[in-house]
Amino acid sequence: MTQDTKDQIANLERQKIALEDRLDNLSYFKGWDKKNDITIQEVTDELFEVKDTIKKLTANNGILVKQ
């Protein structure tokens, strides 16, 4: 695994943590406002993409990462 790939994975892990925190904060207000529900869905979609990218990057290098 190259250093660039390791750096990319580390960056994605940071993004994942930030998105999980944001989703947790937004979930307190779920259902209060339709705009908020849309934002929750957008964050959920982005979180899925980040997790999927991490999975692909680590799978290509034989490393198992707990998702």
PDB file of N, CA and C in Angstrom:
ATOM      1  N   MET A   1       0.849  -1.170   0.000  1.00  0.00           N
ATOM      2  CA  MET A   1       0.000   0.000   0.000  1.00  0.00           C
ATOM      3  C   MET A   1       0.895   1.234   0.000  1.00  0.00           C
ATOM      4  N   THR A   2       0.610   2.144  -0.882  1.00  0.00           N
ATOM      5  CA  THR A   2       1.427   3.344  -0.986  1.00  0.00           C
ATOM      6  C   THR A   2       1.073   4.335   0.121  1.00  0.00           C
ATOM      7  N   GLN A   3       1.960   5.265   0.338  1.00  0.00           N
ATOM      8  CA  GLN A   3       1.716   6.293   1.346  1.00  0.00           C
ATOM      9  C   GLN A   3       0.523   7.156   0.959  1.00  0.00           C
ATOM     10  N   ASP A   4       0.358   7.414  -0.334  1.00  0.00           N
ATOM     11  CA  ASP A   4      -0.799   8.195  -0.793  1.00  0.00           C
ATOM     12  C   ASP A   4      -2.107   7.505  -0.428  1.00  0.00           C
ATOM     13  N   THR A   5      -2.154   6.189  -0.604  1.00  0.00           N
ATOM     14  CA  THR A   5      -3.352   5.430  -0.268  1.00  0.00           C
ATOM     15  C   THR A   5      -3.603   5.475   1.229  1.00  0.00           C
ATOM     16  N   LYS A   6      -2.551   5.331   2.018  1.00  0.00           N
ATOM     17  CA  LYS A   6      -2.697   5.406   3.475  1.00  0.00           C
ATOM     18  C   LYS A   6      -3.217   6.778   3.897  1.00  0.00           C
ATOM     19  N   ASP A   7      -2.686   7.822   3.281  1.00  0.00           N
ATOM     20  CA  ASP A   7      -3.137   9.179   3.589  1.00  0.00           C
ATOM     21  C   ASP A   7      -4.601   9.376   3.202  1.00  0.00           C
ATOM     22  N   GLN A   8      -4.978   8.820   2.055  1.00  0.00           N
ATOM     23  CA  GLN A   8      -6.359   8.931   1.598  1.00  0.00           C
ATOM     24  C   GLN A   8      -7.305   8.204   2.562  1.00  0.00           C
ATOM     25  N   ILE A   9      -6.915   7.026   3.004  1.00  0.00           N
ATOM     26  CA  ILE A   9      -7.730   6.273   3.959  1.00  0.00           C
ATOM     27  C   ILE A   9      -7.858   7.037   5.274  1.00  0.00           C
ATOM     28  N   ALA A  10      -6.759   7.592   5.754  1.00  0.00           N
ATOM     29  CA  ALA A  10      -6.796   8.363   7.000  1.00  0.00           C
ATOM     30  C   ALA A  10      -7.733   9.564   6.863  1.00  0.00           C
ATOM     31  N   ASN A  11      -7.677  10.245   5.730  1.00  0.00           N
ATOM     32  CA  ASN A  11      -8.561  11.385   5.484  1.00  0.00           C
ATOM     33  C   ASN A  11     -10.021  10.937   5.451  1.00  0.00           C
ATOM     34  N   LEU A  12     -10.285   9.830   4.792  1.00  0.00           N
ATOM     35  CA  LEU A  12     -11.649   9.310   4.724  1.00  0.00           C
ATOM     36  C   LEU A  12     -12.162   8.897   6.107  1.00  0.00           C
ATOM     37  N   GLU A  13     -11.290   8.334   6.917  1.00  0.00           N
ATOM     38  CA  GLU A  13     -11.684   7.961   8.282  1.00  0.00           C
ATOM     39  C   GLU A  13     -12.067   9.194   9.088  1.00  0.00           C
ATOM     40  N   ARG A  14     -11.330  10.286   8.907  1.00  0.00           N
ATOM     41  CA  ARG A  14     -11.672  11.536   9.591  1.00  0.00           C
ATOM     42  C   ARG A  14     -13.019  12.064   9.100  1.00  0.00           C
ATOM     43  N   GLN A  15     -13.230  11.994   7.786  1.00  0.00           N
ATOM     44  CA  GLN A  15     -14.511  12.423   7.229  1.00  0.00           C
ATOM     45  C   GLN A  15     -15.655  11.573   7.776  1.00  0.00           C
ATOM     46  N   LYS A  16     -15.417  10.271   7.885  1.00  0.00           N
ATOM     47  CA  LYS A  16     -16.431   9.355   8.393  1.00  0.00           C
ATOM     48  C   LYS A  16     -16.828   9.728   9.820  1.00  0.00           C
ATOM     49  N   ILE A  17     -15.853   9.999  10.654  1.00  0.00           N
ATOM     50  CA  ILE A  17     -16.132  10.383  12.041  1.00  0.00           C
ATOM     51  C   ILE A  17     -16.933  11.680  12.095  1.00  0.00           C
ATOM     52  N   ALA A  18     -16.539  12.650  11.278  1.00  0.00           N
ATOM     53  CA  ALA A  18     -17.244  13.934  11.253  1.00  0.00           C
ATOM     54  C   ALA A  18     -18.686  13.756  10.774  1.00  0.00           C
ATOM     55  N   LEU A  19     -18.892  12.922   9.767  1.00  0.00           N
ATOM     56  CA  LEU A  19     -20.240  12.686   9.251  1.00  0.00           C
ATOM     57  C   LEU A  19     -21.099  11.939  10.268  1.00  0.00           C
ATOM     58  N   GLU A  20     -20.507  10.973  10.958  1.00  0.00           N
ATOM     59  CA  GLU A  20     -21.247  10.243  11.990  1.00  0.00           C
ATOM     60  C   GLU A  20     -21.662  11.179  13.119  1.00  0.00           C
ATOM     61  N   ASP A  21     -20.782  12.089  13.508  1.00  0.00           N
ATOM     62  CA  ASP A  21     -21.113  13.071  14.537  1.00  0.00           C
ATOM     63  C   ASP A  21     -22.231  14.001  14.069  1.00  0.00           C
ATOM     64  N   ARG A  22     -22.132  14.450  12.823  1.00  0.00           N
ATOM     65  CA  ARG A  22     -23.153  15.347  12.279  1.00  0.00           C
ATOM     66  C   ARG A  22     -24.505  14.634  12.207  1.00  0.00           C
ATOM     67  N   LEU A  23     -24.481  13.383  11.766  1.00  0.00           N
ATOM     68  CA  LEU A  23     -25.714  12.607  11.683  1.00  0.00           C
ATOM     69  C   LEU A  23     -26.325  12.402  13.063  1.00  0.00           C
ATOM     70  N   ASP A  24     -25.476  12.148  14.035  1.00  0.00           N
ATOM     71  CA  ASP A  24     -25.957  11.978  15.407  1.00  0.00           C
ATOM     72  C   ASP A  24     -26.631  13.257  15.904  1.00  0.00           C
ATOM     73  N   ASN A  25     -26.019  14.391  15.643  1.00  0.00           N
ATOM     74  CA  ASN A  25     -26.593  15.675  16.070  1.00  0.00           C
ATOM     75  C   ASN A  25     -27.902  15.969  15.343  1.00  0.00           C
ATOM     76  N   LEU A  26     -27.940  15.689  14.043  1.00  0.00           N
ATOM     77  CA  LEU A  26     -29.150  15.951  13.268  1.00  0.00           C
ATOM     78  C   LEU A  26     -30.304  15.032  13.671  1.00  0.00           C
ATOM     79  N   SER A  27     -29.977  13.829  14.105  1.00  0.00           N
ATOM     80  CA  SER A  27     -31.025  12.863  14.426  1.00  0.00           C
ATOM     81  C   SER A  27     -31.882  13.304  15.611  1.00  0.00           C
ATOM     82  N   TYR A  28     -31.358  14.178  16.451  1.00  0.00           N
ATOM     83  CA  TYR A  28     -32.158  14.695  17.562  1.00  0.00           C
ATOM     84  C   TYR A  28     -33.368  15.484  17.070  1.00  0.00           C
ATOM     85  N   PHE A  29     -33.275  16.043  15.872  1.00  0.00           N
ATOM     86  CA  PHE A  29     -34.332  16.891  15.339  1.00  0.00           C
ATOM     87  C   PHE A  29     -35.086  16.236  14.181  1.00  0.00           C
ATOM     88  N   LYS A  30     -34.894  14.930  14.016  1.00  0.00           N
ATOM     89  CA  LYS A  30     -35.553  14.209  12.928  1.00  0.00           C
ATOM     90  C   LYS A  30     -37.066  14.348  13.052  1.00  0.00           C
ATOM     91  N   GLY A  31     -37.687  14.651  11.934  1.00  0.00           N
ATOM     92  CA  GLY A  31     -39.139  14.768  11.893  1.00  0.00           C
ATOM     93  C   GLY A  31     -39.673  16.143  12.244  1.00  0.00           C
ATOM     94  N   TRP A  32     -38.842  17.005  12.770  1.00  0.00           N
ATOM     95  CA  TRP A  32     -39.300  18.342  13.130  1.00  0.00           C
ATOM     96  C   TRP A  32     -39.493  19.220  11.911  1.00  0.00           C
ATOM     97  N   ASP A  33     -38.664  18.983  10.912  1.00  0.00           N
ATOM     98  CA  ASP A  33     -38.644  19.854   9.746  1.00  0.00           C
ATOM     99  C   ASP A  33     -38.292  19.015   8.528  1.00  0.00           C
ATOM    100  N   LYS A  34     -39.027  19.169   7.459  1.00  0.00           N
ATOM    101  CA  LYS A  34     -38.771  18.389   6.249  1.00  0.00           C
ATOM    102  C   LYS A  34     -37.369  18.682   5.703  1.00  0.00           C
ATOM    103  N   LYS A  35     -36.931  19.929   5.800  1.00  0.00           N
ATOM    104  CA  LYS A  35     -35.588  20.288   5.331  1.00  0.00           C
ATOM    105  C   LYS A  35     -34.532  19.517   6.124  1.00  0.00           C
ATOM    106  N   ASN A  36     -34.746  19.360   7.420  1.00  0.00           N
ATOM    107  CA  ASN A  36     -33.820  18.625   8.268  1.00  0.00           C
ATOM    108  C   ASN A  36     -33.777  17.151   7.868  1.00  0.00           C
ATOM    109  N   ASP A  37     -34.937  16.589   7.536  1.00  0.00           N
ATOM    110  CA  ASP A  37     -34.990  15.195   7.093  1.00  0.00           C
ATOM    111  C   ASP A  37     -34.211  15.002   5.791  1.00  0.00           C
ATOM    112  N   ILE A  38     -34.289  15.977   4.909  1.00  0.00           N
ATOM    113  CA  ILE A  38     -33.535  15.916   3.653  1.00  0.00           C
ATOM    114  C   ILE A  38     -32.039  15.989   3.946  1.00  0.00           C
ATOM    115  N   THR A  39     -31.644  16.864   4.870  1.00  0.00           N
ATOM    116  CA  THR A  39     -30.236  16.977   5.251  1.00  0.00           C
ATOM    117  C   THR A  39     -29.735  15.670   5.845  1.00  0.00           C
ATOM    118  N   ILE A  40     -30.545  15.037   6.683  1.00  0.00           N
ATOM    119  CA  ILE A  40     -30.165  13.748   7.266  1.00  0.00           C
ATOM    120  C   ILE A  40     -29.917  12.729   6.161  1.00  0.00           C
ATOM    121  N   GLN A  41     -30.788  12.699   5.163  1.00  0.00           N
ATOM    122  CA  GLN A  41     -30.621  11.748   4.064  1.00  0.00           C
ATOM    123  C   GLN A  41     -29.353  12.044   3.267  1.00  0.00           C
ATOM    124  N   GLU A  42     -29.055  13.313   3.045  1.00  0.00           N
ATOM    125  CA  GLU A  42     -27.837  13.690   2.324  1.00  0.00           C
ATOM    126  C   GLU A  42     -26.592  13.248   3.092  1.00  0.00           C
ATOM    127  N   VAL A  43     -26.578  13.457   4.396  1.00  0.00           N
ATOM    128  CA  VAL A  43     -25.437  13.059   5.228  1.00  0.00           C
ATOM    129  C   VAL A  43     -25.314  11.535   5.236  1.00  0.00           C
ATOM    130  N   THR A  44     -26.448  10.845   5.325  1.00  0.00           N
ATOM    131  CA  THR A  44     -26.442   9.380   5.293  1.00  0.00           C
ATOM    132  C   THR A  44     -25.861   8.870   3.982  1.00  0.00           C
ATOM    133  N   ASP A  45     -26.257   9.477   2.873  1.00  0.00           N
ATOM    134  CA  ASP A  45     -25.740   9.078   1.563  1.00  0.00           C
ATOM    135  C   ASP A  45     -24.235   9.323   1.461  1.00  0.00           C
ATOM    136  N   GLU A  46     -23.795  10.478   1.943  1.00  0.00           N
ATOM    137  CA  GLU A  46     -22.376  10.802   1.898  1.00  0.00           C
ATOM    138  C   GLU A  46     -21.566   9.850   2.781  1.00  0.00           C
ATOM    139  N   LEU A  47     -22.111   9.523   3.943  1.00  0.00           N
ATOM    140  CA  LEU A  47     -21.455   8.581   4.847  1.00  0.00           C
ATOM    141  C   LEU A  47     -21.322   7.210   4.190  1.00  0.00           C
ATOM    142  N   PHE A  48     -22.357   6.768   3.496  1.00  0.00           N
ATOM    143  CA  PHE A  48     -22.292   5.498   2.777  1.00  0.00           C
ATOM    144  C   PHE A  48     -21.170   5.513   1.744  1.00  0.00           C
ATOM    145  N   GLU A  49     -21.074   6.600   1.003  1.00  0.00           N
ATOM    146  CA  GLU A  49     -20.029   6.712  -0.027  1.00  0.00           C
ATOM    147  C   GLU A  49     -18.627   6.656   0.584  1.00  0.00           C
ATOM    148  N   VAL A  50     -18.437   7.353   1.702  1.00  0.00           N
ATOM    149  CA  VAL A  50     -17.136   7.363   2.363  1.00  0.00           C
ATOM    150  C   VAL A  50     -16.782   5.961   2.848  1.00  0.00           C
ATOM    151  N   LYS A  51     -17.731   5.290   3.498  1.00  0.00           N
ATOM    152  CA  LYS A  51     -17.487   3.930   3.981  1.00  0.00           C
ATOM    153  C   LYS A  51     -17.191   2.973   2.832  1.00  0.00           C
ATOM    154  N   ASP A  52     -17.927   3.130   1.738  1.00  0.00           N
ATOM    155  CA  ASP A  52     -17.722   2.270   0.570  1.00  0.00           C
ATOM    156  C   ASP A  52     -16.335   2.483  -0.032  1.00  0.00           C
ATOM    157  N   THR A  53     -15.901   3.722  -0.101  1.00  0.00           N
ATOM    158  CA  THR A  53     -14.575   4.025  -0.638  1.00  0.00           C
ATOM    159  C   THR A  53     -13.482   3.449   0.253  1.00  0.00           C
ATOM    160  N   ILE A  54     -13.645   3.577   1.567  1.00  0.00           N
ATOM    161  CA  ILE A  54     -12.671   2.997   2.501  1.00  0.00           C
ATOM    162  C   ILE A  54     -12.611   1.487   2.293  1.00  0.00           C
ATOM    163  N   LYS A  55     -13.760   0.877   2.189  1.00  0.00           N
ATOM    164  CA  LYS A  55     -13.829  -0.577   1.999  1.00  0.00           C
ATOM    165  C   LYS A  55     -13.104  -0.996   0.724  1.00  0.00           C
ATOM    166  N   LYS A  56     -13.318  -0.269  -0.347  1.00  0.00           N
ATOM    167  CA  LYS A  56     -12.668  -0.594  -1.623  1.00  0.00           C
ATOM    168  C   LYS A  56     -11.160  -0.399  -1.551  1.00  0.00           C
ATOM    169  N   LEU A  57     -10.730   0.682  -0.918  1.00  0.00           N
ATOM    170  CA  LEU A  57      -9.297   0.943  -0.820  1.00  0.00           C
ATOM    171  C   LEU A  57      -8.589  -0.101   0.025  1.00  0.00           C
ATOM    172  N   THR A  58      -9.224  -0.522   1.106  1.00  0.00           N
ATOM    173  CA  THR A  58      -8.579  -1.496   1.979  1.00  0.00           C
ATOM    174  C   THR A  58      -8.695  -2.910   1.435  1.00  0.00           C
ATOM    175  N   ALA A  59      -9.782  -3.226   0.752  1.00  0.00           N
ATOM    176  CA  ALA A  59      -9.957  -4.564   0.188  1.00  0.00           C
ATOM    177  C   ALA A  59      -8.926  -4.828  -0.903  1.00  0.00           C
ATOM    178  N   ASN A  60      -8.566  -3.824  -1.638  1.00  0.00           N
ATOM    179  CA  ASN A  60      -7.586  -3.990  -2.711  1.00  0.00           C
ATOM    180  C   ASN A  60      -6.197  -4.257  -2.186  1.00  0.00           C
ATOM    181  N   ASN A  61      -5.994  -4.041  -0.903  1.00  0.00           N
ATOM    182  CA  ASN A  61      -4.673  -4.227  -0.327  1.00  0.00           C
ATOM    183  C   ASN A  61      -4.665  -5.325   0.741  1.00  0.00           C
ATOM    184  N   GLY A  62      -5.742  -6.095   0.823  1.00  0.00           N
ATOM    185  CA  GLY A  62      -5.787  -7.217   1.747  1.00  0.00           C
ATOM    186  C   GLY A  62      -5.877  -6.847   3.213  1.00  0.00           C
ATOM    187  N   ILE A  63      -6.346  -5.634   3.503  1.00  0.00           N
ATOM    188  CA  ILE A  63      -6.460  -5.193   4.891  1.00  0.00           C
ATOM    189  C   ILE A  63      -7.943  -5.192   5.261  1.00  0.00           C
ATOM    190  N   LEU A  64      -8.247  -5.770   6.392  1.00  0.00           N
ATOM    191  CA  LEU A  64      -9.625  -5.767   6.858  1.00  0.00           C
ATOM    192  C   LEU A  64      -9.803  -4.613   7.832  1.00  0.00           C
ATOM    193  N   VAL A  65     -10.849  -3.811   7.585  1.00  0.00           N
ATOM    194  CA  VAL A  65     -11.138  -2.681   8.446  1.00  0.00           C
ATOM    195  C   VAL A  65     -12.542  -2.862   8.979  1.00  0.00           C
ATOM    196  N   LYS A  66     -12.707  -2.742  10.276  1.00  0.00           N
ATOM    197  CA  LYS A  66     -14.038  -2.852  10.882  1.00  0.00           C
ATOM    198  C   LYS A  66     -14.859  -1.639  10.493  1.00  0.00           C
ATOM    199  N   GLN A  67     -16.004  -1.864   9.864  1.00  0.00           N
ATOM    200  CA  GLN A  67     -16.859  -0.773   9.412  1.00  0.00           C
ATOM    201  C   GLN A  67     -17.959  -0.512  10.384  1.00  0.00           C
TER     202      GLN A  67
END
